[in-house]
Amino acid sequence: MSDTDTVTRDRLVADLRTVVADAEELLKLTAGEVTESSRGLRERLQGRLTQSKDTLLSLQATAAEKAKAAGHAADDYVHEKPWQAIGAGACVGLVVGLLIGRR
């Protein structure tokens, strides 16, 4: 998964949370409405809100599973090839040190 996909997914989850919060607030504000059309609209909105929450929870669970899998893969790699991992860490540290030193 690329960084762009991760950023896009994070942005989507944040937007979905905002929509859910706004919809819940709208439902609270219109609780006093008693017309038939507003009652039907509220019921549809409540159903879609529940579906959105389920989707959000599913996305979060999937993201957590992928993060755990990536962590386990990195851990396995470090245990299988410790010297390569140390070399990669040293290279990253060198590059970061050079970038910081240029300031």
PDB file of N, CA and C in Angstrom:
ATOM      1  N   MET A   1       0.841  -1.166   0.000  1.00  0.00           N
ATOM      2  CA  MET A   1       0.000   0.000   0.000  1.00  0.00           C
ATOM      3  C   MET A   1       0.891   1.235   0.000  1.00  0.00           C
ATOM      4  N   SER A   2       0.610   2.172  -0.869  1.00  0.00           N
ATOM      5  CA  SER A   2       1.451   3.358  -0.972  1.00  0.00           C
ATOM      6  C   SER A   2       1.029   4.399   0.056  1.00  0.00           C
ATOM      7  N   ASP A   3       1.895   5.399   0.241  1.00  0.00           N
ATOM      8  CA  ASP A   3       1.596   6.476   1.173  1.00  0.00           C
ATOM      9  C   ASP A   3       0.374   7.262   0.727  1.00  0.00           C
ATOM     10  N   THR A   4       0.203   7.416  -0.594  1.00  0.00           N
ATOM     11  CA  THR A   4      -0.944   8.145  -1.123  1.00  0.00           C
ATOM     12  C   THR A   4      -2.234   7.432  -0.760  1.00  0.00           C
ATOM     13  N   ASP A   5      -2.245   6.094  -0.861  1.00  0.00           N
ATOM     14  CA  ASP A   5      -3.434   5.323  -0.494  1.00  0.00           C
ATOM     15  C   ASP A   5      -3.755   5.496   0.982  1.00  0.00           C
ATOM     16  N   THR A   6      -2.719   5.488   1.807  1.00  0.00           N
ATOM     17  CA  THR A   6      -2.916   5.636   3.242  1.00  0.00           C
ATOM     18  C   THR A   6      -3.484   7.009   3.572  1.00  0.00           C
ATOM     19  N   VAL A   7      -2.929   8.050   2.965  1.00  0.00           N
ATOM     20  CA  VAL A   7      -3.409   9.408   3.204  1.00  0.00           C
ATOM     21  C   VAL A   7      -4.850   9.544   2.732  1.00  0.00           C
ATOM     22  N   THR A   8      -5.156   8.983   1.560  1.00  0.00           N
ATOM     23  CA  THR A   8      -6.507   9.053   1.021  1.00  0.00           C
ATOM     24  C   THR A   8      -7.473   8.322   1.949  1.00  0.00           C
ATOM     25  N   ARG A   9      -7.092   7.145   2.424  1.00  0.00           N
ATOM     26  CA  ARG A   9      -7.965   6.383   3.316  1.00  0.00           C
ATOM     27  C   ARG A   9      -8.167   7.135   4.627  1.00  0.00           C
ATOM     28  N   ASP A  10      -7.104   7.718   5.177  1.00  0.00           N
ATOM     29  CA  ASP A  10      -7.226   8.474   6.422  1.00  0.00           C
ATOM     30  C   ASP A  10      -8.146   9.676   6.240  1.00  0.00           C
ATOM     31  N   ARG A  11      -8.007  10.341   5.105  1.00  0.00           N
ATOM     32  CA  ARG A  11      -8.855  11.496   4.817  1.00  0.00           C
ATOM     33  C   ARG A  11     -10.321  11.058   4.676  1.00  0.00           C
ATOM     34  N   LEU A  12     -10.545   9.927   4.019  1.00  0.00           N
ATOM     35  CA  LEU A  12     -11.896   9.403   3.848  1.00  0.00           C
ATOM     36  C   LEU A  12     -12.517   9.054   5.193  1.00  0.00           C
ATOM     37  N   VAL A  13     -11.756   8.415   6.057  1.00  0.00           N
ATOM     38  CA  VAL A  13     -12.258   8.054   7.380  1.00  0.00           C
ATOM     39  C   VAL A  13     -12.587   9.315   8.174  1.00  0.00           C
ATOM     40  N   ALA A  14     -11.729  10.321   8.121  1.00  0.00           N
ATOM     41  CA  ALA A  14     -11.983  11.567   8.837  1.00  0.00           C
ATOM     42  C   ALA A  14     -13.234  12.257   8.295  1.00  0.00           C
ATOM     43  N   ASP A  15     -13.392  12.278   6.975  1.00  0.00           N
ATOM     44  CA  ASP A  15     -14.580  12.882   6.378  1.00  0.00           C
ATOM     45  C   ASP A  15     -15.840  12.119   6.758  1.00  0.00           C
ATOM     46  N   LEU A  16     -15.752  10.812   6.782  1.00  0.00           N
ATOM     47  CA  LEU A  16     -16.906   9.995   7.142  1.00  0.00           C
ATOM     48  C   LEU A  16     -17.290  10.228   8.598  1.00  0.00           C
ATOM     49  N   ARG A  17     -16.306  10.373   9.463  1.00  0.00           N
ATOM     50  CA  ARG A  17     -16.606  10.678  10.872  1.00  0.00           C
ATOM     51  C   ARG A  17     -17.317  12.021  10.997  1.00  0.00           C
ATOM     52  N   THR A  18     -16.882  13.001  10.230  1.00  0.00           N
ATOM     53  CA  THR A  18     -17.510  14.314  10.256  1.00  0.00           C
ATOM     54  C   THR A  18     -18.957  14.237   9.786  1.00  0.00           C
ATOM     55  N   VAL A  19     -19.190  13.506   8.715  1.00  0.00           N
ATOM     56  CA  VAL A  19     -20.546  13.357   8.191  1.00  0.00           C
ATOM     57  C   VAL A  19     -21.437  12.670   9.215  1.00  0.00           C
ATOM     58  N   VAL A  20     -20.926  11.627   9.845  1.00  0.00           N
ATOM     59  CA  VAL A  20     -21.703  10.911  10.853  1.00  0.00           C
ATOM     60  C   VAL A  20     -22.039  11.837  12.013  1.00  0.00           C
ATOM     61  N   ALA A  21     -21.069  12.607  12.478  1.00  0.00           N
ATOM     62  CA  ALA A  21     -21.313  13.531  13.592  1.00  0.00           C
ATOM     63  C   ALA A  21     -22.339  14.590  13.205  1.00  0.00           C
ATOM     64  N   ASP A  22     -22.235  15.123  11.990  1.00  0.00           N
ATOM     65  CA  ASP A  22     -23.201  16.127  11.531  1.00  0.00           C
ATOM     66  C   ASP A  22     -24.597  15.542  11.403  1.00  0.00           C
ATOM     67  N   ALA A  23     -24.686  14.329  10.903  1.00  0.00           N
ATOM     68  CA  ALA A  23     -25.991  13.677  10.752  1.00  0.00           C
ATOM     69  C   ALA A  23     -26.625  13.414  12.117  1.00  0.00           C
ATOM     70  N   GLU A  24     -25.817  12.985  13.072  1.00  0.00           N
ATOM     71  CA  GLU A  24     -26.349  12.761  14.413  1.00  0.00           C
ATOM     72  C   GLU A  24     -26.855  14.058  15.022  1.00  0.00           C
ATOM     73  N   GLU A  25     -26.125  15.133  14.808  1.00  0.00           N
ATOM     74  CA  GLU A  25     -26.552  16.433  15.322  1.00  0.00           C
ATOM     75  C   GLU A  25     -27.854  16.869  14.652  1.00  0.00           C
ATOM     76  N   LEU A  26     -27.955  16.650  13.342  1.00  0.00           N
ATOM     77  CA  LEU A  26     -29.175  16.987  12.615  1.00  0.00           C
ATOM     78  C   LEU A  26     -30.360  16.194  13.149  1.00  0.00           C
ATOM     79  N   LEU A  27     -30.162  14.922  13.429  1.00  0.00           N
ATOM     80  CA  LEU A  27     -31.239  14.103  13.978  1.00  0.00           C
ATOM     81  C   LEU A  27     -31.695  14.631  15.336  1.00  0.00           C
ATOM     82  N   LYS A  28     -30.752  15.062  16.158  1.00  0.00           N
ATOM     83  CA  LYS A  28     -31.107  15.604  17.470  1.00  0.00           C
ATOM     84  C   LYS A  28     -31.887  16.907  17.331  1.00  0.00           C
ATOM     85  N   LEU A  29     -31.444  17.752  16.393  1.00  0.00           N
ATOM     86  CA  LEU A  29     -32.102  19.048  16.217  1.00  0.00           C
ATOM     87  C   LEU A  29     -33.518  18.918  15.663  1.00  0.00           C
ATOM     88  N   THR A  30     -33.773  17.881  14.865  1.00  0.00           N
ATOM     89  CA  THR A  30     -35.089  17.708  14.249  1.00  0.00           C
ATOM     90  C   THR A  30     -35.950  16.705  14.997  1.00  0.00           C
ATOM     91  N   ALA A  31     -35.587  16.385  16.222  1.00  0.00           N
ATOM     92  CA  ALA A  31     -36.343  15.392  16.988  1.00  0.00           C
ATOM     93  C   ALA A  31     -37.773  15.859  17.248  1.00  0.00           C
ATOM     94  N   GLY A  32     -38.008  17.147  17.295  1.00  0.00           N
ATOM     95  CA  GLY A  32     -39.342  17.680  17.567  1.00  0.00           C
ATOM     96  C   GLY A  32     -40.255  17.717  16.353  1.00  0.00           C
ATOM     97  N   GLU A  33     -39.725  17.505  15.168  1.00  0.00           N
ATOM     98  CA  GLU A  33     -40.536  17.517  13.949  1.00  0.00           C
ATOM     99  C   GLU A  33     -41.461  16.305  13.940  1.00  0.00           C
ATOM    100  N   VAL A  34     -42.735  16.535  13.645  1.00  0.00           N
ATOM    101  CA  VAL A  34     -43.692  15.442  13.716  1.00  0.00           C
ATOM    102  C   VAL A  34     -44.400  15.171  12.389  1.00  0.00           C
ATOM    103  N   THR A  35     -44.035  15.861  11.325  1.00  0.00           N
ATOM    104  CA  THR A  35     -44.694  15.615  10.044  1.00  0.00           C
ATOM    105  C   THR A  35     -44.290  14.254   9.505  1.00  0.00           C
ATOM    106  N   GLU A  36     -45.152  13.680   8.681  1.00  0.00           N
ATOM    107  CA  GLU A  36     -44.903  12.350   8.130  1.00  0.00           C
ATOM    108  C   GLU A  36     -43.654  12.332   7.258  1.00  0.00           C
ATOM    109  N   SER A  37     -43.471  13.369   6.438  1.00  0.00           N
ATOM    110  CA  SER A  37     -42.299  13.397   5.558  1.00  0.00           C
ATOM    111  C   SER A  37     -41.005  13.520   6.357  1.00  0.00           C
ATOM    112  N   SER A  38     -41.020  14.319   7.411  1.00  0.00           N
ATOM    113  CA  SER A  38     -39.809  14.453   8.216  1.00  0.00           C
ATOM    114  C   SER A  38     -39.535  13.167   8.989  1.00  0.00           C
ATOM    115  N   ARG A  39     -40.573  12.462   9.398  1.00  0.00           N
ATOM    116  CA  ARG A  39     -40.404  11.198  10.095  1.00  0.00           C
ATOM    117  C   ARG A  39     -39.752  10.167   9.163  1.00  0.00           C
ATOM    118  N   GLY A  40     -40.233  10.108   7.907  1.00  0.00           N
ATOM    119  CA  GLY A  40     -39.646   9.182   6.926  1.00  0.00           C
ATOM    120  C   GLY A  40     -38.205   9.533   6.624  1.00  0.00           C
ATOM    121  N   LEU A  41     -37.925  10.807   6.480  1.00  0.00           N
ATOM    122  CA  LEU A  41     -36.561  11.261   6.214  1.00  0.00           C
ATOM    123  C   LEU A  41     -35.641  10.905   7.375  1.00  0.00           C
ATOM    124  N   ARG A  42     -36.130  11.117   8.584  1.00  0.00           N
ATOM    125  CA  ARG A  42     -35.325  10.778   9.767  1.00  0.00           C
ATOM    126  C   ARG A  42     -35.019   9.293   9.822  1.00  0.00           C
ATOM    127  N   GLU A  43     -35.994   8.448   9.482  1.00  0.00           N
ATOM    128  CA  GLU A  43     -35.785   7.006   9.507  1.00  0.00           C
ATOM    129  C   GLU A  43     -34.749   6.590   8.459  1.00  0.00           C
ATOM    130  N   ARG A  44     -34.838   7.160   7.264  1.00  0.00           N
ATOM    131  CA  ARG A  44     -33.853   6.841   6.213  1.00  0.00           C
ATOM    132  C   ARG A  44     -32.464   7.313   6.623  1.00  0.00           C
ATOM    133  N   LEU A  45     -32.415   8.522   7.176  1.00  0.00           N
ATOM    134  CA  LEU A  45     -31.130   9.066   7.610  1.00  0.00           C
ATOM    135  C   LEU A  45     -30.534   8.212   8.723  1.00  0.00           C
ATOM    136  N   GLN A  46     -31.377   7.762   9.640  1.00  0.00           N
ATOM    137  CA  GLN A  46     -30.890   6.916  10.734  1.00  0.00           C
ATOM    138  C   GLN A  46     -30.341   5.601  10.177  1.00  0.00           C
ATOM    139  N   GLY A  47     -31.012   5.020   9.203  1.00  0.00           N
ATOM    140  CA  GLY A  47     -30.535   3.778   8.587  1.00  0.00           C
ATOM    141  C   GLY A  47     -29.210   3.968   7.887  1.00  0.00           C
ATOM    142  N   ARG A  48     -29.088   5.052   7.135  1.00  0.00           N
ATOM    143  CA  ARG A  48     -27.827   5.323   6.436  1.00  0.00           C
ATOM    144  C   ARG A  48     -26.716   5.654   7.414  1.00  0.00           C
ATOM    145  N   LEU A  49     -27.062   6.312   8.488  1.00  0.00           N
ATOM    146  CA  LEU A  49     -26.079   6.639   9.514  1.00  0.00           C
ATOM    147  C   LEU A  49     -25.536   5.365  10.152  1.00  0.00           C
ATOM    148  N   THR A  50     -26.417   4.437  10.442  1.00  0.00           N
ATOM    149  CA  THR A  50     -25.990   3.158  11.006  1.00  0.00           C
ATOM    150  C   THR A  50     -25.090   2.415  10.026  1.00  0.00           C
ATOM    151  N   GLN A  51     -25.459   2.426   8.755  1.00  0.00           N
ATOM    152  CA  GLN A  51     -24.649   1.772   7.729  1.00  0.00           C
ATOM    153  C   GLN A  51     -23.273   2.439   7.623  1.00  0.00           C
ATOM    154  N   SER A  52     -23.235   3.760   7.702  1.00  0.00           N
ATOM    155  CA  SER A  52     -21.960   4.486   7.620  1.00  0.00           C
ATOM    156  C   SER A  52     -21.065   4.152   8.809  1.00  0.00           C
ATOM    157  N   LYS A  53     -21.654   4.056   9.985  1.00  0.00           N
ATOM    158  CA  LYS A  53     -20.872   3.693  11.166  1.00  0.00           C
ATOM    159  C   LYS A  53     -20.286   2.292  11.010  1.00  0.00           C
ATOM    160  N   ASP A  54     -21.093   1.362  10.494  1.00  0.00           N
ATOM    161  CA  ASP A  54     -20.597  -0.002  10.282  1.00  0.00           C
ATOM    162  C   ASP A  54     -19.443  -0.010   9.282  1.00  0.00           C
ATOM    163  N   THR A  55     -19.571   0.774   8.205  1.00  0.00           N
ATOM    164  CA  THR A  55     -18.514   0.868   7.203  1.00  0.00           C
ATOM    165  C   THR A  55     -17.247   1.447   7.818  1.00  0.00           C
ATOM    166  N   LEU A  56     -17.405   2.473   8.619  1.00  0.00           N
ATOM    167  CA  LEU A  56     -16.262   3.103   9.277  1.00  0.00           C
ATOM    168  C   LEU A  56     -15.555   2.117  10.200  1.00  0.00           C
ATOM    169  N   LEU A  57     -16.310   1.364  10.970  1.00  0.00           N
ATOM    170  CA  LEU A  57     -15.707   0.369  11.860  1.00  0.00           C
ATOM    171  C   LEU A  57     -14.991  -0.714  11.057  1.00  0.00           C
ATOM    172  N   SER A  58     -15.574  -1.097   9.934  1.00  0.00           N
ATOM    173  CA  SER A  58     -14.946  -2.102   9.077  1.00  0.00           C
ATOM    174  C   SER A  58     -13.630  -1.580   8.502  1.00  0.00           C
ATOM    175  N   LEU A  59     -13.622  -0.326   8.049  1.00  0.00           N
ATOM    176  CA  LEU A  59     -12.396   0.274   7.518  1.00  0.00           C
ATOM    177  C   LEU A  59     -11.313   0.349   8.597  1.00  0.00           C
ATOM    178  N   GLN A  60     -11.710   0.722   9.787  1.00  0.00           N
ATOM    179  CA  GLN A  60     -10.740   0.808  10.872  1.00  0.00           C
ATOM    180  C   GLN A  60     -10.171  -0.571  11.205  1.00  0.00           C
ATOM    181  N   ALA A  61     -11.023  -1.576  11.233  1.00  0.00           N
ATOM    182  CA  ALA A  61     -10.559  -2.931  11.543  1.00  0.00           C
ATOM    183  C   ALA A  61      -9.600  -3.425  10.462  1.00  0.00           C
ATOM    184  N   THR A  62      -9.925  -3.164   9.211  1.00  0.00           N
ATOM    185  CA  THR A  62      -9.064  -3.581   8.106  1.00  0.00           C
ATOM    186  C   THR A  62      -7.710  -2.879   8.184  1.00  0.00           C
ATOM    187  N   ALA A  63      -7.729  -1.582   8.453  1.00  0.00           N
ATOM    188  CA  ALA A  63      -6.479  -0.828   8.562  1.00  0.00           C
ATOM    189  C   ALA A  63      -5.630  -1.347   9.720  1.00  0.00           C
ATOM    190  N   ALA A  64      -6.263  -1.665  10.833  1.00  0.00           N
ATOM    191  CA  ALA A  64      -5.524  -2.186  11.981  1.00  0.00           C
ATOM    192  C   ALA A  64      -4.906  -3.545  11.663  1.00  0.00           C
ATOM    193  N   GLU A  65      -5.654  -4.404  10.967  1.00  0.00           N
ATOM    194  CA  GLU A  65      -5.125  -5.713  10.594  1.00  0.00           C
ATOM    195  C   GLU A  65      -3.926  -5.582   9.664  1.00  0.00           C
ATOM    196  N   LYS A  66      -4.014  -4.675   8.689  1.00  0.00           N
ATOM    197  CA  LYS A  66      -2.900  -4.479   7.757  1.00  0.00           C
ATOM    198  C   LYS A  66      -1.683  -3.909   8.461  1.00  0.00           C
ATOM    199  N   ALA A  67      -1.905  -3.003   9.406  1.00  0.00           N
ATOM    200  CA  ALA A  67      -0.785  -2.436  10.156  1.00  0.00           C
ATOM    201  C   ALA A  67      -0.103  -3.507  11.001  1.00  0.00           C
ATOM    202  N   LYS A  68      -0.904  -4.376  11.626  1.00  0.00           N
ATOM    203  CA  LYS A  68      -0.320  -5.463  12.414  1.00  0.00           C
ATOM    204  C   LYS A  68       0.463  -6.419  11.520  1.00  0.00           C
ATOM    205  N   ALA A  69      -0.082  -6.732  10.352  1.00  0.00           N
ATOM    206  CA  ALA A  69       0.605  -7.638   9.423  1.00  0.00           C
ATOM    207  C   ALA A  69       1.931  -7.039   8.966  1.00  0.00           C
ATOM    208  N   ALA A  70       1.937  -5.726   8.684  1.00  0.00           N
ATOM    209  CA  ALA A  70       3.172  -5.061   8.272  1.00  0.00           C
ATOM    210  C   ALA A  70       4.188  -5.076   9.409  1.00  0.00           C
ATOM    211  N   GLY A  71       3.723  -4.863  10.626  1.00  0.00           N
ATOM    212  CA  GLY A  71       4.617  -4.906  11.783  1.00  0.00           C
ATOM    213  C   GLY A  71       5.216  -6.290  11.984  1.00  0.00           C
ATOM    214  N   HIS A  72       4.388  -7.319  11.824  1.00  0.00           N
ATOM    215  CA  HIS A  72       4.895  -8.689  11.965  1.00  0.00           C
ATOM    216  C   HIS A  72       5.893  -9.021  10.851  1.00  0.00           C
ATOM    217  N   ALA A  73       5.611  -8.558   9.633  1.00  0.00           N
ATOM    218  CA  ALA A  73       6.529  -8.817   8.520  1.00  0.00           C
ATOM    219  C   ALA A  73       7.877  -8.139   8.771  1.00  0.00           C
ATOM    220  N   ALA A  74       7.840  -6.906   9.270  1.00  0.00           N
ATOM    221  CA  ALA A  74       9.088  -6.198   9.574  1.00  0.00           C
ATOM    222  C   ALA A  74       9.843  -6.908  10.702  1.00  0.00           C
ATOM    223  N   ASP A  75       9.118  -7.353  11.705  1.00  0.00           N
ATOM    224  CA  ASP A  75       9.749  -8.063  12.815  1.00  0.00           C
ATOM    225  C   ASP A  75      10.389  -9.368  12.335  1.00  0.00           C
ATOM    226  N   ASP A  76       9.673 -10.104  11.491  1.00  0.00           N
ATOM    227  CA  ASP A  76      10.220 -11.348  10.945  1.00  0.00           C
ATOM    228  C   ASP A  76      11.481 -11.081  10.120  1.00  0.00           C
ATOM    229  N   TYR A  77      11.445 -10.012   9.309  1.00  0.00           N
ATOM    230  CA  TYR A  77      12.601  -9.677   8.469  1.00  0.00           C
ATOM    231  C   TYR A  77      13.818  -9.358   9.340  1.00  0.00           C
ATOM    232  N   VAL A  78      13.597  -8.572  10.388  1.00  0.00           N
ATOM    233  CA  VAL A  78      14.708  -8.191  11.266  1.00  0.00           C
ATOM    234  C   VAL A  78      15.287  -9.417  11.961  1.00  0.00           C
ATOM    235  N   HIS A  79      14.431 -10.367  12.343  1.00  0.00           N
ATOM    236  CA  HIS A  79      14.936 -11.576  12.992  1.00  0.00           C
ATOM    237  C   HIS A  79      15.663 -12.489  12.008  1.00  0.00           C
ATOM    238  N   GLU A  80      15.200 -12.517  10.766  1.00  0.00           N
ATOM    239  CA  GLU A  80      15.837 -13.374   9.762  1.00  0.00           C
ATOM    240  C   GLU A  80      17.135 -12.779   9.231  1.00  0.00           C
ATOM    241  N   LYS A  81      17.182 -11.462   9.092  1.00  0.00           N
ATOM    242  CA  LYS A  81      18.340 -10.789   8.499  1.00  0.00           C
ATOM    243  C   LYS A  81      18.735  -9.578   9.351  1.00  0.00           C
ATOM    244  N   PRO A  82      19.309  -9.825  10.502  1.00  0.00           N
ATOM    245  CA  PRO A  82      19.608  -8.700  11.402  1.00  0.00           C
ATOM    246  C   PRO A  82      20.640  -7.726  10.847  1.00  0.00           C
ATOM    247  N   TRP A  83      21.654  -8.225  10.153  1.00  0.00           N
ATOM    248  CA  TRP A  83      22.692  -7.315   9.653  1.00  0.00           C
ATOM    249  C   TRP A  83      22.166  -6.415   8.544  1.00  0.00           C
ATOM    250  N   GLN A  84      21.294  -6.932   7.703  1.00  0.00           N
ATOM    251  CA  GLN A  84      20.702  -6.091   6.661  1.00  0.00           C
ATOM    252  C   GLN A  84      19.817  -5.007   7.294  1.00  0.00           C
ATOM    253  N   ALA A  85      19.103  -5.386   8.348  1.00  0.00           N
ATOM    254  CA  ALA A  85      18.248  -4.418   9.036  1.00  0.00           C
ATOM    255  C   ALA A  85      19.091  -3.325   9.699  1.00  0.00           C
ATOM    256  N   ILE A  86      20.214  -3.725  10.302  1.00  0.00           N
ATOM    257  CA  ILE A  86      21.105  -2.738  10.929  1.00  0.00           C
ATOM    258  C   ILE A  86      21.681  -1.808   9.862  1.00  0.00           C
ATOM    259  N   GLY A  87      22.063  -2.370   8.723  1.00  0.00           N
ATOM    260  CA  GLY A  87      22.594  -1.545   7.630  1.00  0.00           C
ATOM    261  C   GLY A  87      21.550  -0.578   7.093  1.00  0.00           C
ATOM    262  N   ALA A  88      20.323  -1.061   6.931  1.00  0.00           N
ATOM    263  CA  ALA A  88      19.257  -0.179   6.441  1.00  0.00           C
ATOM    264  C   ALA A  88      18.983   0.932   7.445  1.00  0.00           C
ATOM    265  N   GLY A  89      18.964   0.594   8.732  1.00  0.00           N
ATOM    266  CA  GLY A  89      18.745   1.608   9.770  1.00  0.00           C
ATOM    267  C   GLY A  89      19.858   2.637   9.793  1.00  0.00           C
ATOM    268  N   ALA A  90      21.100   2.178   9.609  1.00  0.00           N
ATOM    269  CA  ALA A  90      22.240   3.100   9.588  1.00  0.00           C
ATOM    270  C   ALA A  90      22.144   4.040   8.389  1.00  0.00           C
ATOM    271  N   CYS A  91      21.749   3.509   7.243  1.00  0.00           N
ATOM    272  CA  CYS A  91      21.609   4.352   6.041  1.00  0.00           C
ATOM    273  C   CYS A  91      20.524   5.406   6.237  1.00  0.00           C
ATOM    274  N   VAL A  92      19.410   4.993   6.789  1.00  0.00           N
ATOM    275  CA  VAL A  92      18.325   5.946   7.040  1.00  0.00           C
ATOM    276  C   VAL A  92      18.789   7.008   8.030  1.00  0.00           C
ATOM    277  N   GLY A  93      19.481   6.587   9.077  1.00  0.00           N
ATOM    278  CA  GLY A  93      20.002   7.542  10.055  1.00  0.00           C
ATOM    279  C   GLY A  93      20.989   8.511   9.436  1.00  0.00           C
ATOM    280  N   LEU A  94      21.842   8.025   8.534  1.00  0.00           N
ATOM    281  CA  LEU A  94      22.803   8.875   7.848  1.00  0.00           C
ATOM    282  C   LEU A  94      22.087   9.921   6.989  1.00  0.00           C
ATOM    283  N   VAL A  95      21.100   9.481   6.227  1.00  0.00           N
ATOM    284  CA  VAL A  95      20.361  10.412   5.365  1.00  0.00           C
ATOM    285  C   VAL A  95      19.637  11.461   6.205  1.00  0.00           C
ATOM    286  N   VAL A  96      18.984  11.035   7.267  1.00  0.00           N
ATOM    287  CA  VAL A  96      18.282  11.989   8.146  1.00  0.00           C
ATOM    288  C   VAL A  96      19.287  12.954   8.773  1.00  0.00           C
ATOM    289  N   GLY A  97      20.429  12.440   9.209  1.00  0.00           N
ATOM    290  CA  GLY A  97      21.460  13.311   9.785  1.00  0.00           C
ATOM    291  C   GLY A  97      21.976  14.323   8.790  1.00  0.00           C
ATOM    292  N   LEU A  98      22.173  13.906   7.536  1.00  0.00           N
ATOM    293  CA  LEU A  98      22.624  14.835   6.503  1.00  0.00           C
ATOM    294  C   LEU A  98      21.587  15.912   6.218  1.00  0.00           C
ATOM    295  N   LEU A  99      20.307  15.497   6.187  1.00  0.00           N
ATOM    296  CA  LEU A  99      19.232  16.461   5.929  1.00  0.00           C
ATOM    297  C   LEU A  99      19.109  17.466   7.066  1.00  0.00           C
ATOM    298  N   ILE A 100      19.237  17.004   8.279  1.00  0.00           N
ATOM    299  CA  ILE A 100      19.148  17.915   9.430  1.00  0.00           C
ATOM    300  C   ILE A 100      20.363  18.825   9.480  1.00  0.00           C
ATOM    301  N   GLY A 101      21.520  18.286   9.127  1.00  0.00           N
ATOM    302  CA  GLY A 101      22.756  19.065   9.153  1.00  0.00           C
ATOM    303  C   GLY A 101      22.792  20.166   8.111  1.00  0.00           C
ATOM    304  N   ARG A 102      22.008  20.047   7.049  1.00  0.00           N
ATOM    305  CA  ARG A 102      21.995  21.064   6.007  1.00  0.00           C
ATOM    306  C   ARG A 102      21.265  22.324   6.421  1.00  0.00           C
ATOM    307  N   ARG A 103      20.479  22.253   7.459  1.00  0.00           N
ATOM    308  CA  ARG A 103      19.694  23.429   7.888  1.00  0.00           C
ATOM    309  C   ARG A 103      20.534  24.414   8.573  1.00  0.00           C
TER     310      ARG A 103
END
